[in-house]
């Protein structure tokens, strides 16, 4: 039964998220709309392979380090889950690529880009 294989946790406090991501076999994020995709990066930082949707911003945030699937296509989602759970080489590639991908992001880098944008507007 699904309940024996998947845990539906509901809301989890932010402090528990790194442990949850790290303990997961994969992170599935089939969002229909997403502003940026921080959970994708958090999962990658925890060493968890990511499957996310083709919704705006998510393929860019994933940068090829996540599998992307149409979020309303149940069969494609199921196939992607099965691939990650059964293909060790794919899983290892996603974990490695995710680890490299998160290096492109960070609060300092974000602040520097924001400051650069603000300076360009003041010219």
PDB file of N, CA and C in Angstrom:
ATOM      1  N   UNK A   1       0.833  -1.178   0.000  1.00  0.00           N
ATOM      2  CA  UNK A   1       0.000   0.000   0.000  1.00  0.00           C
ATOM      3  C   UNK A   1       0.879   1.243   0.000  1.00  0.00           C
ATOM      4  N   UNK A   2       0.374   2.302  -0.561  1.00  0.00           N
ATOM      5  CA  UNK A   2       1.107   3.558  -0.650  1.00  0.00           C
ATOM      6  C   UNK A   2       1.542   4.046   0.726  1.00  0.00           C
ATOM      7  N   UNK A   3       0.678   3.920   1.709  1.00  0.00           N
ATOM      8  CA  UNK A   3       0.984   4.392   3.060  1.00  0.00           C
ATOM      9  C   UNK A   3       2.172   3.657   3.675  1.00  0.00           C
ATOM     10  N   UNK A   4       2.461   2.447   3.203  1.00  0.00           N
ATOM     11  CA  UNK A   4       3.591   1.680   3.706  1.00  0.00           C
ATOM     12  C   UNK A   4       4.915   2.127   3.078  1.00  0.00           C
ATOM     13  N   UNK A   5       4.833   2.838   1.951  1.00  0.00           N
ATOM     14  CA  UNK A   5       6.037   3.199   1.207  1.00  0.00           C
ATOM     15  C   UNK A   5       6.313   4.696   1.154  1.00  0.00           C
ATOM     16  N   UNK A   6       5.302   5.502   1.425  1.00  0.00           N
ATOM     17  CA  UNK A   6       5.435   6.954   1.356  1.00  0.00           C
ATOM     18  C   UNK A   6       4.952   7.556   2.667  1.00  0.00           C
ATOM     19  N   UNK A   7       5.697   8.496   3.174  1.00  0.00           N
ATOM     20  CA  UNK A   7       5.284   9.166   4.405  1.00  0.00           C
ATOM     21  C   UNK A   7       4.776  10.562   4.072  1.00  0.00           C
ATOM     22  N   UNK A   8       3.553  10.830   4.486  1.00  0.00           N
ATOM     23  CA  UNK A   8       2.948  12.134   4.310  1.00  0.00           C
ATOM     24  C   UNK A   8       3.069  12.863   5.641  1.00  0.00           C
ATOM     25  N   UNK A   9       3.998  13.792   5.724  1.00  0.00           N
ATOM     26  CA  UNK A   9       4.326  14.416   6.995  1.00  0.00           C
ATOM     27  C   UNK A   9       3.525  15.671   7.297  1.00  0.00           C
ATOM     28  N   UNK A  10       2.973  16.291   6.280  1.00  0.00           N
ATOM     29  CA  UNK A  10       2.324  17.577   6.518  1.00  0.00           C
ATOM     30  C   UNK A  10       3.391  18.626   6.756  1.00  0.00           C
ATOM     31  N   UNK A  11       3.068  19.633   7.549  1.00  0.00           N
ATOM     32  CA  UNK A  11       4.025  20.709   7.820  1.00  0.00           C
ATOM     33  C   UNK A  11       5.172  20.204   8.688  1.00  0.00           C
ATOM     34  N   UNK A  12       6.377  20.571   8.282  1.00  0.00           N
ATOM     35  CA  UNK A  12       7.562  20.252   9.078  1.00  0.00           C
ATOM     36  C   UNK A  12       8.292  21.555   9.391  1.00  0.00           C
ATOM     37  N   UNK A  13       8.684  21.765  10.626  1.00  0.00           N
ATOM     38  CA  UNK A  13       9.430  22.984  10.972  1.00  0.00           C
ATOM     39  C   UNK A  13      10.716  23.091  10.150  1.00  0.00           C
ATOM     40  N   UNK A  14      11.102  24.326   9.820  1.00  0.00           N
ATOM     41  CA  UNK A  14      12.280  24.559   8.987  1.00  0.00           C
ATOM     42  C   UNK A  14      13.528  23.851   9.515  1.00  0.00           C
ATOM     43  N   UNK A  15      13.686  23.791  10.810  1.00  0.00           N
ATOM     44  CA  UNK A  15      14.861  23.167  11.391  1.00  0.00           C
ATOM     45  C   UNK A  15      14.991  21.677  11.093  1.00  0.00           C
ATOM     46  N   UNK A  16      13.886  21.024  10.771  1.00  0.00           N
ATOM     47  CA  UNK A  16      13.910  19.594  10.461  1.00  0.00           C
ATOM     48  C   UNK A  16      14.170  19.312   8.985  1.00  0.00           C
ATOM     49  N   UNK A  17      14.022  20.324   8.142  1.00  0.00           N
ATOM     50  CA  UNK A  17      14.109  20.096   6.705  1.00  0.00           C
ATOM     51  C   UNK A  17      15.433  19.488   6.242  1.00  0.00           C
ATOM     52  N   UNK A  18      16.587  19.970   6.666  1.00  0.00           N
ATOM     53  CA  UNK A  18      17.831  19.346   6.184  1.00  0.00           C
ATOM     54  C   UNK A  18      17.896  17.846   6.475  1.00  0.00           C
ATOM     55  N   UNK A  19      17.455  17.446   7.654  1.00  0.00           N
ATOM     56  CA  UNK A  19      17.462  16.012   7.991  1.00  0.00           C
ATOM     57  C   UNK A  19      16.474  15.233   7.143  1.00  0.00           C
ATOM     58  N   UNK A  20      15.308  15.812   6.893  1.00  0.00           N
ATOM     59  CA  UNK A  20      14.317  15.133   6.062  1.00  0.00           C
ATOM     60  C   UNK A  20      14.813  14.965   4.638  1.00  0.00           C
ATOM     61  N   UNK A  21      15.393  16.047   4.081  1.00  0.00           N
ATOM     62  CA  UNK A  21      15.943  15.951   2.724  1.00  0.00           C
ATOM     63  C   UNK A  21      17.018  14.871   2.654  1.00  0.00           C
ATOM     64  N   UNK A  22      17.926  14.869   3.616  1.00  0.00           N
ATOM     65  CA  UNK A  22      19.041  13.929   3.605  1.00  0.00           C
ATOM     66  C   UNK A  22      18.584  12.479   3.764  1.00  0.00           C
ATOM     67  N   UNK A  23      17.493  12.255   4.486  1.00  0.00           N
ATOM     68  CA  UNK A  23      17.007  10.895   4.719  1.00  0.00           C
ATOM     69  C   UNK A  23      16.164  10.355   3.561  1.00  0.00           C
ATOM     70  N   UNK A  24      15.747  11.236   2.662  1.00  0.00           N
ATOM     71  CA  UNK A  24      14.866  10.825   1.567  1.00  0.00           C
ATOM     72  C   UNK A  24      15.635  10.107   0.465  1.00  0.00           C
ATOM     73  N   UNK A  25      14.972   9.163  -0.181  1.00  0.00           N
ATOM     74  CA  UNK A  25      15.563   8.484  -1.335  1.00  0.00           C
ATOM     75  C   UNK A  25      15.565   9.400  -2.557  1.00  0.00           C
ATOM     76  N   UNK A  26      14.600  10.302  -2.608  1.00  0.00           N
ATOM     77  CA  UNK A  26      14.534  11.303  -3.667  1.00  0.00           C
ATOM     78  C   UNK A  26      13.621  12.421  -3.202  1.00  0.00           C
ATOM     79  N   UNK A  27      13.719  13.557  -3.879  1.00  0.00           N
ATOM     80  CA  UNK A  27      12.842  14.682  -3.588  1.00  0.00           C
ATOM     81  C   UNK A  27      12.008  14.942  -4.826  1.00  0.00           C
ATOM     82  N   UNK A  28      10.700  14.803  -4.681  1.00  0.00           N
ATOM     83  CA  UNK A  28       9.763  15.018  -5.778  1.00  0.00           C
ATOM     84  C   UNK A  28       9.070  16.352  -5.558  1.00  0.00           C
ATOM     85  N   UNK A  29       9.193  17.250  -6.526  1.00  0.00           N
ATOM     86  CA  UNK A  29       8.652  18.595  -6.401  1.00  0.00           C
ATOM     87  C   UNK A  29       7.886  18.941  -7.685  1.00  0.00           C
ATOM     88  N   UNK A  30       6.678  18.367  -7.834  1.00  0.00           N
ATOM     89  CA  UNK A  30       5.904  18.575  -9.070  1.00  0.00           C
ATOM     90  C   UNK A  30       5.063  19.852  -9.027  1.00  0.00           C
ATOM     91  N   UNK A  31       5.714  20.972  -8.754  1.00  0.00           N
ATOM     92  CA  UNK A  31       5.026  22.244  -8.607  1.00  0.00           C
ATOM     93  C   UNK A  31       4.412  22.704  -9.935  1.00  0.00           C
ATOM     94  N   UNK A  32       3.215  23.280  -9.840  1.00  0.00           N
ATOM     95  CA  UNK A  32       2.578  23.855 -11.025  1.00  0.00           C
ATOM     96  C   UNK A  32       3.039  25.295 -11.240  1.00  0.00           C
ATOM     97  N   UNK A  33       3.440  25.958 -10.173  1.00  0.00           N
ATOM     98  CA  UNK A  33       3.953  27.322 -10.240  1.00  0.00           C
ATOM     99  C   UNK A  33       4.945  27.490  -9.115  1.00  0.00           C
ATOM    100  N   UNK A  34       6.061  28.098  -9.419  1.00  0.00           N
ATOM    101  CA  UNK A  34       7.065  28.298  -8.383  1.00  0.00           C
ATOM    102  C   UNK A  34       7.778  29.613  -8.630  1.00  0.00           C
ATOM    103  N   UNK A  35       7.949  30.363  -7.579  1.00  0.00           N
ATOM    104  CA  UNK A  35       8.628  31.637  -7.694  1.00  0.00           C
ATOM    105  C   UNK A  35      10.118  31.492  -7.922  1.00  0.00           C
ATOM    106  N   UNK A  36      10.762  30.591  -7.214  1.00  0.00           N
ATOM    107  CA  UNK A  36      12.197  30.403  -7.409  1.00  0.00           C
ATOM    108  C   UNK A  36      12.598  28.935  -7.343  1.00  0.00           C
ATOM    109  N   UNK A  37      12.249  28.219  -6.319  1.00  0.00           N
ATOM    110  CA  UNK A  37      12.612  26.816  -6.227  1.00  0.00           C
ATOM    111  C   UNK A  37      13.636  26.506  -5.163  1.00  0.00           C
ATOM    112  N   UNK A  38      13.595  27.206  -4.055  1.00  0.00           N
ATOM    113  CA  UNK A  38      14.549  26.961  -2.970  1.00  0.00           C
ATOM    114  C   UNK A  38      14.518  25.507  -2.492  1.00  0.00           C
ATOM    115  N   UNK A  39      13.347  24.850  -2.386  1.00  0.00           N
ATOM    116  CA  UNK A  39      13.370  23.441  -1.943  1.00  0.00           C
ATOM    117  C   UNK A  39      14.208  22.535  -2.856  1.00  0.00           C
ATOM    118  N   UNK A  40      14.267  22.850  -4.133  1.00  0.00           N
ATOM    119  CA  UNK A  40      15.103  22.072  -5.066  1.00  0.00           C
ATOM    120  C   UNK A  40      16.567  22.194  -4.656  1.00  0.00           C
ATOM    121  N   UNK A  41      17.010  23.413  -4.401  1.00  0.00           N
ATOM    122  CA  UNK A  41      18.404  23.624  -3.997  1.00  0.00           C
ATOM    123  C   UNK A  41      18.695  23.033  -2.621  1.00  0.00           C
ATOM    124  N   UNK A  42      17.746  23.149  -1.697  1.00  0.00           N
ATOM    125  CA  UNK A  42      17.942  22.566  -0.364  1.00  0.00           C
ATOM    126  C   UNK A  42      18.113  21.052  -0.466  1.00  0.00           C
ATOM    127  N   UNK A  43      17.341  20.420  -1.311  1.00  0.00           N
ATOM    128  CA  UNK A  43      17.446  18.968  -1.497  1.00  0.00           C
ATOM    129  C   UNK A  43      18.783  18.588  -2.091  1.00  0.00           C
ATOM    130  N   UNK A  44      19.200  19.348  -3.093  1.00  0.00           N
ATOM    131  CA  UNK A  44      20.501  19.079  -3.711  1.00  0.00           C
ATOM    132  C   UNK A  44      21.625  19.249  -2.702  1.00  0.00           C
ATOM    133  N   UNK A  45      21.534  20.286  -1.878  1.00  0.00           N
ATOM    134  CA  UNK A  45      22.557  20.529  -0.861  1.00  0.00           C
ATOM    135  C   UNK A  45      22.631  19.382   0.142  1.00  0.00           C
ATOM    136  N   UNK A  46      21.523  18.699   0.353  1.00  0.00           N
ATOM    137  CA  UNK A  46      21.480  17.565   1.288  1.00  0.00           C
ATOM    138  C   UNK A  46      21.920  16.261   0.633  1.00  0.00           C
ATOM    139  N   UNK A  47      22.247  16.302  -0.658  1.00  0.00           N
ATOM    140  CA  UNK A  47      22.694  15.095  -1.356  1.00  0.00           C
ATOM    141  C   UNK A  47      21.558  14.203  -1.801  1.00  0.00           C
ATOM    142  N   UNK A  48      20.394  14.785  -2.026  1.00  0.00           N
ATOM    143  CA  UNK A  48      19.219  14.017  -2.435  1.00  0.00           C
ATOM    144  C   UNK A  48      18.921  14.272  -3.906  1.00  0.00           C
ATOM    145  N   UNK A  49      18.730  13.229  -4.700  1.00  0.00           N
ATOM    146  CA  UNK A  49      18.380  13.441  -6.108  1.00  0.00           C
ATOM    147  C   UNK A  49      17.001  14.080  -6.224  1.00  0.00           C
ATOM    148  N   UNK A  50      16.844  14.952  -7.225  1.00  0.00           N
ATOM    149  CA  UNK A  50      15.635  15.754  -7.363  1.00  0.00           C
ATOM    150  C   UNK A  50      14.916  15.462  -8.671  1.00  0.00           C
ATOM    151  N   UNK A  51      13.600  15.329  -8.547  1.00  0.00           N
ATOM    152  CA  UNK A  51      12.698  15.300  -9.697  1.00  0.00           C
ATOM    153  C   UNK A  51      11.784  16.499  -9.511  1.00  0.00           C
ATOM    154  N   UNK A  52      11.762  17.382 -10.491  1.00  0.00           N
ATOM    155  CA  UNK A  52      10.936  18.567 -10.372  1.00  0.00           C
ATOM    156  C   UNK A  52      10.151  18.779 -11.651  1.00  0.00           C
ATOM    157  N   UNK A  53       9.364  19.818 -11.679  1.00  0.00           N
ATOM    158  CA  UNK A  53       8.471  20.033 -12.811  1.00  0.00           C
ATOM    159  C   UNK A  53       9.062  20.989 -13.833  1.00  0.00           C
ATOM    160  N   UNK A  54       8.380  21.086 -14.936  1.00  0.00           N
ATOM    161  CA  UNK A  54       8.756  21.995 -16.008  1.00  0.00           C
ATOM    162  C   UNK A  54       8.196  23.387 -15.772  1.00  0.00           C
ATOM    163  N   UNK A  55       7.609  23.628 -14.598  1.00  0.00           N
ATOM    164  CA  UNK A  55       7.052  24.942 -14.268  1.00  0.00           C
ATOM    165  C   UNK A  55       8.146  25.996 -14.344  1.00  0.00           C
ATOM    166  N   UNK A  56       7.774  27.228 -14.699  1.00  0.00           N
ATOM    167  CA  UNK A  56       8.777  28.287 -14.830  1.00  0.00           C
ATOM    168  C   UNK A  56       9.701  28.373 -13.625  1.00  0.00           C
ATOM    169  N   UNK A  57      10.934  28.589 -13.874  1.00  0.00           N
ATOM    170  CA  UNK A  57      12.067  28.750 -12.960  1.00  0.00           C
ATOM    171  C   UNK A  57      12.682  27.418 -12.540  1.00  0.00           C
ATOM    172  N   UNK A  58      11.927  26.353 -12.427  1.00  0.00           N
ATOM    173  CA  UNK A  58      12.478  25.111 -11.877  1.00  0.00           C
ATOM    174  C   UNK A  58      13.519  24.447 -12.785  1.00  0.00           C
ATOM    175  N   UNK A  59      13.306  24.342 -14.094  1.00  0.00           N
ATOM    176  CA  UNK A  59      14.380  23.794 -14.932  1.00  0.00           C
ATOM    177  C   UNK A  59      15.657  24.645 -14.870  1.00  0.00           C
ATOM    178  N   UNK A  60      15.493  25.958 -14.760  1.00  0.00           N
ATOM    179  CA  UNK A  60      16.659  26.841 -14.659  1.00  0.00           C
ATOM    180  C   UNK A  60      17.378  26.646 -13.327  1.00  0.00           C
ATOM    181  N   UNK A  61      16.624  26.578 -12.245  1.00  0.00           N
ATOM    182  CA  UNK A  61      17.230  26.362 -10.927  1.00  0.00           C
ATOM    183  C   UNK A  61      17.918  25.005 -10.896  1.00  0.00           C
ATOM    184  N   UNK A  62      17.270  23.985 -11.427  1.00  0.00           N
ATOM    185  CA  UNK A  62      17.854  22.643 -11.456  1.00  0.00           C
ATOM    186  C   UNK A  62      19.085  22.565 -12.336  1.00  0.00           C
ATOM    187  N   UNK A  63      19.099  23.359 -13.389  1.00  0.00           N
ATOM    188  CA  UNK A  63      20.276  23.450 -14.251  1.00  0.00           C
ATOM    189  C   UNK A  63      20.797  22.136 -14.780  1.00  0.00           C
ATOM    190  N   UNK A  64      19.934  21.199 -15.079  1.00  0.00           N
ATOM    191  CA  UNK A  64      20.371  19.901 -15.567  1.00  0.00           C
ATOM    192  C   UNK A  64      20.759  18.928 -14.468  1.00  0.00           C
ATOM    193  N   UNK A  65      20.704  19.371 -13.227  1.00  0.00           N
ATOM    194  CA  UNK A  65      21.061  18.508 -12.094  1.00  0.00           C
ATOM    195  C   UNK A  65      19.832  17.849 -11.487  1.00  0.00           C
ATOM    196  N   UNK A  66      18.678  18.059 -12.101  1.00  0.00           N
ATOM    197  CA  UNK A  66      17.421  17.444 -11.656  1.00  0.00           C
ATOM    198  C   UNK A  66      16.699  16.901 -12.877  1.00  0.00           C
ATOM    199  N   UNK A  67      15.933  15.853 -12.675  1.00  0.00           N
ATOM    200  CA  UNK A  67      15.045  15.404 -13.745  1.00  0.00           C
ATOM    201  C   UNK A  67      13.850  16.341 -13.758  1.00  0.00           C
ATOM    202  N   UNK A  68      13.426  16.758 -14.932  1.00  0.00           N
ATOM    203  CA  UNK A  68      12.238  17.604 -15.030  1.00  0.00           C
ATOM    204  C   UNK A  68      11.143  16.847 -15.768  1.00  0.00           C
ATOM    205  N   UNK A  69       9.926  16.987 -15.247  1.00  0.00           N
ATOM    206  CA  UNK A  69       8.773  16.251 -15.755  1.00  0.00           C
ATOM    207  C   UNK A  69       7.572  17.189 -15.774  1.00  0.00           C
ATOM    208  N   UNK A  70       6.721  17.022 -16.761  1.00  0.00           N
ATOM    209  CA  UNK A  70       5.469  17.776 -16.795  1.00  0.00           C
ATOM    210  C   UNK A  70       4.685  17.420 -15.524  1.00  0.00           C
ATOM    211  N   UNK A  71       4.344  18.403 -14.695  1.00  0.00           N
ATOM    212  CA  UNK A  71       3.759  18.106 -13.377  1.00  0.00           C
ATOM    213  C   UNK A  71       2.365  17.482 -13.414  1.00  0.00           C
ATOM    214  N   UNK A  72       1.666  17.568 -14.523  1.00  0.00           N
ATOM    215  CA  UNK A  72       0.330  16.975 -14.604  1.00  0.00           C
ATOM    216  C   UNK A  72       0.328  15.611 -15.282  1.00  0.00           C
ATOM    217  N   UNK A  73       1.500  15.121 -15.649  1.00  0.00           N
ATOM    218  CA  UNK A  73       1.618  13.831 -16.336  1.00  0.00           C
ATOM    219  C   UNK A  73       1.978  12.747 -15.312  1.00  0.00           C
ATOM    220  N   UNK A  74       0.947  12.082 -14.793  1.00  0.00           N
ATOM    221  CA  UNK A  74       1.152  11.065 -13.754  1.00  0.00           C
ATOM    222  C   UNK A  74       2.093   9.954 -14.195  1.00  0.00           C
ATOM    223  N   UNK A  75       1.969   9.513 -15.446  1.00  0.00           N
ATOM    224  CA  UNK A  75       2.837   8.437 -15.939  1.00  0.00           C
ATOM    225  C   UNK A  75       4.291   8.873 -15.987  1.00  0.00           C
ATOM    226  N   UNK A  76       4.543  10.088 -16.456  1.00  0.00           N
ATOM    227  CA  UNK A  76       5.919  10.585 -16.513  1.00  0.00           C
ATOM    228  C   UNK A  76       6.502  10.730 -15.107  1.00  0.00           C
ATOM    229  N   UNK A  77       5.694  11.200 -14.167  1.00  0.00           N
ATOM    230  CA  UNK A  77       6.157  11.307 -12.779  1.00  0.00           C
ATOM    231  C   UNK A  77       6.510   9.924 -12.230  1.00  0.00           C
ATOM    232  N   UNK A  78       5.648   8.952 -12.452  1.00  0.00           N
ATOM    233  CA  UNK A  78       5.892   7.593 -11.960  1.00  0.00           C
ATOM    234  C   UNK A  78       7.148   7.003 -12.594  1.00  0.00           C
ATOM    235  N   UNK A  79       7.330   7.220 -13.896  1.00  0.00           N
ATOM    236  CA  UNK A  79       8.520   6.701 -14.575  1.00  0.00           C
ATOM    237  C   UNK A  79       9.792   7.348 -14.037  1.00  0.00           C
ATOM    238  N   UNK A  80       9.747   8.654 -13.791  1.00  0.00           N
ATOM    239  CA  UNK A  80      10.923   9.340 -13.262  1.00  0.00           C
ATOM    240  C   UNK A  80      11.271   8.817 -11.863  1.00  0.00           C
ATOM    241  N   UNK A  81      10.256   8.624 -11.034  1.00  0.00           N
ATOM    242  CA  UNK A  81      10.486   8.076  -9.690  1.00  0.00           C
ATOM    243  C   UNK A  81      11.124   6.693  -9.791  1.00  0.00           C
ATOM    244  N   UNK A  82      10.572   5.848 -10.633  1.00  0.00           N
ATOM    245  CA  UNK A  82      11.105   4.495 -10.797  1.00  0.00           C
ATOM    246  C   UNK A  82      12.554   4.529 -11.295  1.00  0.00           C
ATOM    247  N   UNK A  83      12.846   5.408 -12.226  1.00  0.00           N
ATOM    248  CA  UNK A  83      14.215   5.512 -12.750  1.00  0.00           C
ATOM    249  C   UNK A  83      15.199   5.881 -11.650  1.00  0.00           C
ATOM    250  N   UNK A  84      14.862   6.898 -10.862  1.00  0.00           N
ATOM    251  CA  UNK A  84      15.787   7.342  -9.813  1.00  0.00           C
ATOM    252  C   UNK A  84      15.975   6.255  -8.755  1.00  0.00           C
ATOM    253  N   UNK A  85      14.904   5.550  -8.429  1.00  0.00           N
ATOM    254  CA  UNK A  85      14.996   4.521  -7.389  1.00  0.00           C
ATOM    255  C   UNK A  85      15.697   3.248  -7.843  1.00  0.00           C
ATOM    256  N   UNK A  86      15.733   2.993  -9.153  1.00  0.00           N
ATOM    257  CA  UNK A  86      16.302   1.727  -9.636  1.00  0.00           C
ATOM    258  C   UNK A  86      17.604   1.877 -10.415  1.00  0.00           C
ATOM    259  N   UNK A  87      17.933   3.065 -10.871  1.00  0.00           N
ATOM    260  CA  UNK A  87      19.134   3.282 -11.677  1.00  0.00           C
ATOM    261  C   UNK A  87      20.194   3.978 -10.823  1.00  0.00           C
ATOM    262  N   UNK A  88      21.091   3.199 -10.269  1.00  0.00           N
ATOM    263  CA  UNK A  88      22.123   3.736  -9.390  1.00  0.00           C
ATOM    264  C   UNK A  88      23.026   4.752 -10.066  1.00  0.00           C
ATOM    265  N   UNK A  89      23.339   4.533 -11.340  1.00  0.00           N
ATOM    266  CA  UNK A  89      24.198   5.489 -12.058  1.00  0.00           C
ATOM    267  C   UNK A  89      23.488   6.827 -12.223  1.00  0.00           C
ATOM    268  N   UNK A  90      22.207   6.798 -12.543  1.00  0.00           N
ATOM    269  CA  UNK A  90      21.438   8.036 -12.673  1.00  0.00           C
ATOM    270  C   UNK A  90      21.376   8.743 -11.324  1.00  0.00           C
ATOM    271  N   UNK A  91      21.081   7.989 -10.295  1.00  0.00           N
ATOM    272  CA  UNK A  91      21.003   8.571  -8.947  1.00  0.00           C
ATOM    273  C   UNK A  91      22.324   9.238  -8.576  1.00  0.00           C
ATOM    274  N   UNK A  92      23.432   8.546  -8.786  1.00  0.00           N
ATOM    275  CA  UNK A  92      24.745   9.101  -8.456  1.00  0.00           C
ATOM    276  C   UNK A  92      25.035  10.359  -9.275  1.00  0.00           C
ATOM    277  N   UNK A  93      24.666  10.343 -10.557  1.00  0.00           N
ATOM    278  CA  UNK A  93      24.879  11.506 -11.418  1.00  0.00           C
ATOM    279  C   UNK A  93      24.085  12.708 -10.913  1.00  0.00           C
ATOM    280  N   UNK A  94      22.817  12.468 -10.528  1.00  0.00           N
ATOM    281  CA  UNK A  94      21.981  13.559 -10.021  1.00  0.00           C
ATOM    282  C   UNK A  94      22.519  14.123  -8.704  1.00  0.00           C
ATOM    283  N   UNK A  95      22.974  13.253  -7.827  1.00  0.00           N
ATOM    284  CA  UNK A  95      23.531  13.704  -6.543  1.00  0.00           C
ATOM    285  C   UNK A  95      24.785  14.540  -6.789  1.00  0.00           C
ATOM    286  N   UNK A  96      25.683  14.051  -7.643  1.00  0.00           N
ATOM    287  CA  UNK A  96      26.925  14.780  -7.944  1.00  0.00           C
ATOM    288  C   UNK A  96      26.628  16.111  -8.622  1.00  0.00           C
ATOM    289  N   UNK A  97      25.761  16.090  -9.631  1.00  0.00           N
ATOM    290  CA  UNK A  97      25.408  17.322 -10.352  1.00  0.00           C
ATOM    291  C   UNK A  97      24.700  18.308  -9.428  1.00  0.00           C
ATOM    292  N   UNK A  98      23.865  17.803  -8.537  1.00  0.00           N
ATOM    293  CA  UNK A  98      23.174  18.670  -7.578  1.00  0.00           C
ATOM    294  C   UNK A  98      24.148  19.338  -6.630  1.00  0.00           C
ATOM    295  N   UNK A  99      25.126  18.589  -6.174  1.00  0.00           N
ATOM    296  CA  UNK A  99      26.145  19.133  -5.281  1.00  0.00           C
ATOM    297  C   UNK A  99      26.910  20.267  -5.966  1.00  0.00           C
ATOM    298  N   UNK A 100      27.205  20.094  -7.234  1.00  0.00           N
ATOM    299  CA  UNK A 100      27.891  21.138  -7.996  1.00  0.00           C
ATOM    300  C   UNK A 100      26.959  22.321  -8.261  1.00  0.00           C
ATOM    301  N   UNK A 101      25.696  22.046  -8.511  1.00  0.00           N
ATOM    302  CA  UNK A 101      24.739  23.090  -8.851  1.00  0.00           C
ATOM    303  C   UNK A 101      24.528  24.071  -7.700  1.00  0.00           C
ATOM    304  N   UNK A 102      24.438  23.583  -6.479  1.00  0.00           N
ATOM    305  CA  UNK A 102      24.167  24.476  -5.346  1.00  0.00           C
ATOM    306  C   UNK A 102      25.307  25.459  -5.112  1.00  0.00           C
ATOM    307  N   UNK A 103      26.477  25.173  -5.631  1.00  0.00           N
ATOM    308  CA  UNK A 103      27.601  26.100  -5.481  1.00  0.00           C
ATOM    309  C   UNK A 103      27.378  27.404  -6.252  1.00  0.00           C
ATOM    310  N   UNK A 104      26.444  27.384  -7.194  1.00  0.00           N
ATOM    311  CA  UNK A 104      26.137  28.586  -7.978  1.00  0.00           C
ATOM    312  C   UNK A 104      25.234  29.551  -7.218  1.00  0.00           C
ATOM    313  N   UNK A 105      24.741  29.123  -6.073  1.00  0.00           N
ATOM    314  CA  UNK A 105      23.790  29.928  -5.311  1.00  0.00           C
ATOM    315  C   UNK A 105      24.291  30.135  -3.898  1.00  0.00           C
ATOM    316  N   UNK A 106      23.803  31.160  -3.259  1.00  0.00           N
ATOM    317  CA  UNK A 106      24.147  31.445  -1.871  1.00  0.00           C
ATOM    318  C   UNK A 106      23.664  32.842  -1.538  1.00  0.00           C
ATOM    319  N   UNK A 107      23.498  33.102  -0.246  1.00  0.00           N
ATOM    320  CA  UNK A 107      22.978  34.401   0.169  1.00  0.00           C
ATOM    321  C   UNK A 107      23.939  35.525  -0.204  1.00  0.00           C
ATOM    322  N   UNK A 108      25.221  35.301  -0.044  1.00  0.00           N
ATOM    323  CA  UNK A 108      26.196  36.351  -0.381  1.00  0.00           C
ATOM    324  C   UNK A 108      26.144  36.663  -1.872  1.00  0.00           C
ATOM    325  N   UNK A 109      26.147  35.633  -2.678  1.00  0.00           N
ATOM    326  CA  UNK A 109      26.099  35.826  -4.126  1.00  0.00           C
ATOM    327  C   UNK A 109      24.803  36.535  -4.527  1.00  0.00           C
ATOM    328  N   UNK A 110      23.702  36.168  -3.907  1.00  0.00           N
ATOM    329  CA  UNK A 110      22.417  36.816  -4.196  1.00  0.00           C
ATOM    330  C   UNK A 110      22.453  38.295  -3.818  1.00  0.00           C
ATOM    331  N   UNK A 111      23.015  38.593  -2.665  1.00  0.00           N
ATOM    332  CA  UNK A 111      23.106  39.981  -2.216  1.00  0.00           C
ATOM    333  C   UNK A 111      23.992  40.800  -3.156  1.00  0.00           C
ATOM    334  N   UNK A 112      25.093  40.209  -3.606  1.00  0.00           N
ATOM    335  CA  UNK A 112      25.976  40.912  -4.536  1.00  0.00           C
ATOM    336  C   UNK A 112      25.264  41.219  -5.849  1.00  0.00           C
ATOM    337  N   UNK A 113      24.492  40.266  -6.354  1.00  0.00           N
ATOM    338  CA  UNK A 113      23.755  40.489  -7.605  1.00  0.00           C
ATOM    339  C   UNK A 113      22.675  41.550  -7.432  1.00  0.00           C
ATOM    340  N   UNK A 114      22.007  41.532  -6.291  1.00  0.00           N
ATOM    341  CA  UNK A 114      20.998  42.545  -6.024  1.00  0.00           C
ATOM    342  C   UNK A 114      21.635  43.930  -5.950  1.00  0.00           C
ATOM    343  N   UNK A 115      22.741  44.039  -5.262  1.00  0.00           N
ATOM    344  CA  UNK A 115      23.440  45.312  -5.159  1.00  0.00           C
ATOM    345  C   UNK A 115      23.886  45.795  -6.537  1.00  0.00           C
ATOM    346  N   UNK A 116      24.400  44.891  -7.342  1.00  0.00           N
ATOM    347  CA  UNK A 116      24.800  45.235  -8.707  1.00  0.00           C
ATOM    348  C   UNK A 116      23.619  45.761  -9.517  1.00  0.00           C
ATOM    349  N   UNK A 117      22.477  45.101  -9.390  1.00  0.00           N
ATOM    350  CA  UNK A 117      21.274  45.546 -10.107  1.00  0.00           C
ATOM    351  C   UNK A 117      20.820  46.916  -9.630  1.00  0.00           C
ATOM    352  N   UNK A 118      20.855  47.141  -8.336  1.00  0.00           N
ATOM    353  CA  UNK A 118      20.449  48.438  -7.796  1.00  0.00           C
ATOM    354  C   UNK A 118      21.396  49.539  -8.252  1.00  0.00           C
ATOM    355  N   UNK A 119      22.669  49.242  -8.292  1.00  0.00           N
ATOM    356  CA  UNK A 119      23.644  50.245  -8.766  1.00  0.00           C
ATOM    357  C   UNK A 119      23.417  50.580 -10.234  1.00  0.00           C
ATOM    358  N   UNK A 120      23.093  49.579 -11.025  1.00  0.00           N
ATOM    359  CA  UNK A 120      22.858  49.849 -12.456  1.00  0.00           C
ATOM    360  C   UNK A 120      21.612  50.716 -12.667  1.00  0.00           C
ATOM    361  N   UNK A 121      20.649  50.617 -11.766  1.00  0.00           N
ATOM    362  CA  UNK A 121      19.445  51.436 -11.875  1.00  0.00           C
ATOM    363  C   UNK A 121      19.700  52.886 -11.481  1.00  0.00           C
ATOM    364  N   UNK A 122      20.700  53.102 -10.648  1.00  0.00           N
ATOM    365  CA  UNK A 122      20.977  54.460 -10.160  1.00  0.00           C
ATOM    366  C   UNK A 122      21.854  55.263 -11.119  1.00  0.00           C
ATOM    367  N   UNK A 123      22.313  54.654 -12.170  1.00  0.00           N
ATOM    368  CA  UNK A 123      23.198  55.340 -13.142  1.00  0.00           C
ATOM    369  C   UNK A 123      22.399  56.166 -14.113  1.00  0.00           C
TER     370      UNK A 123
END
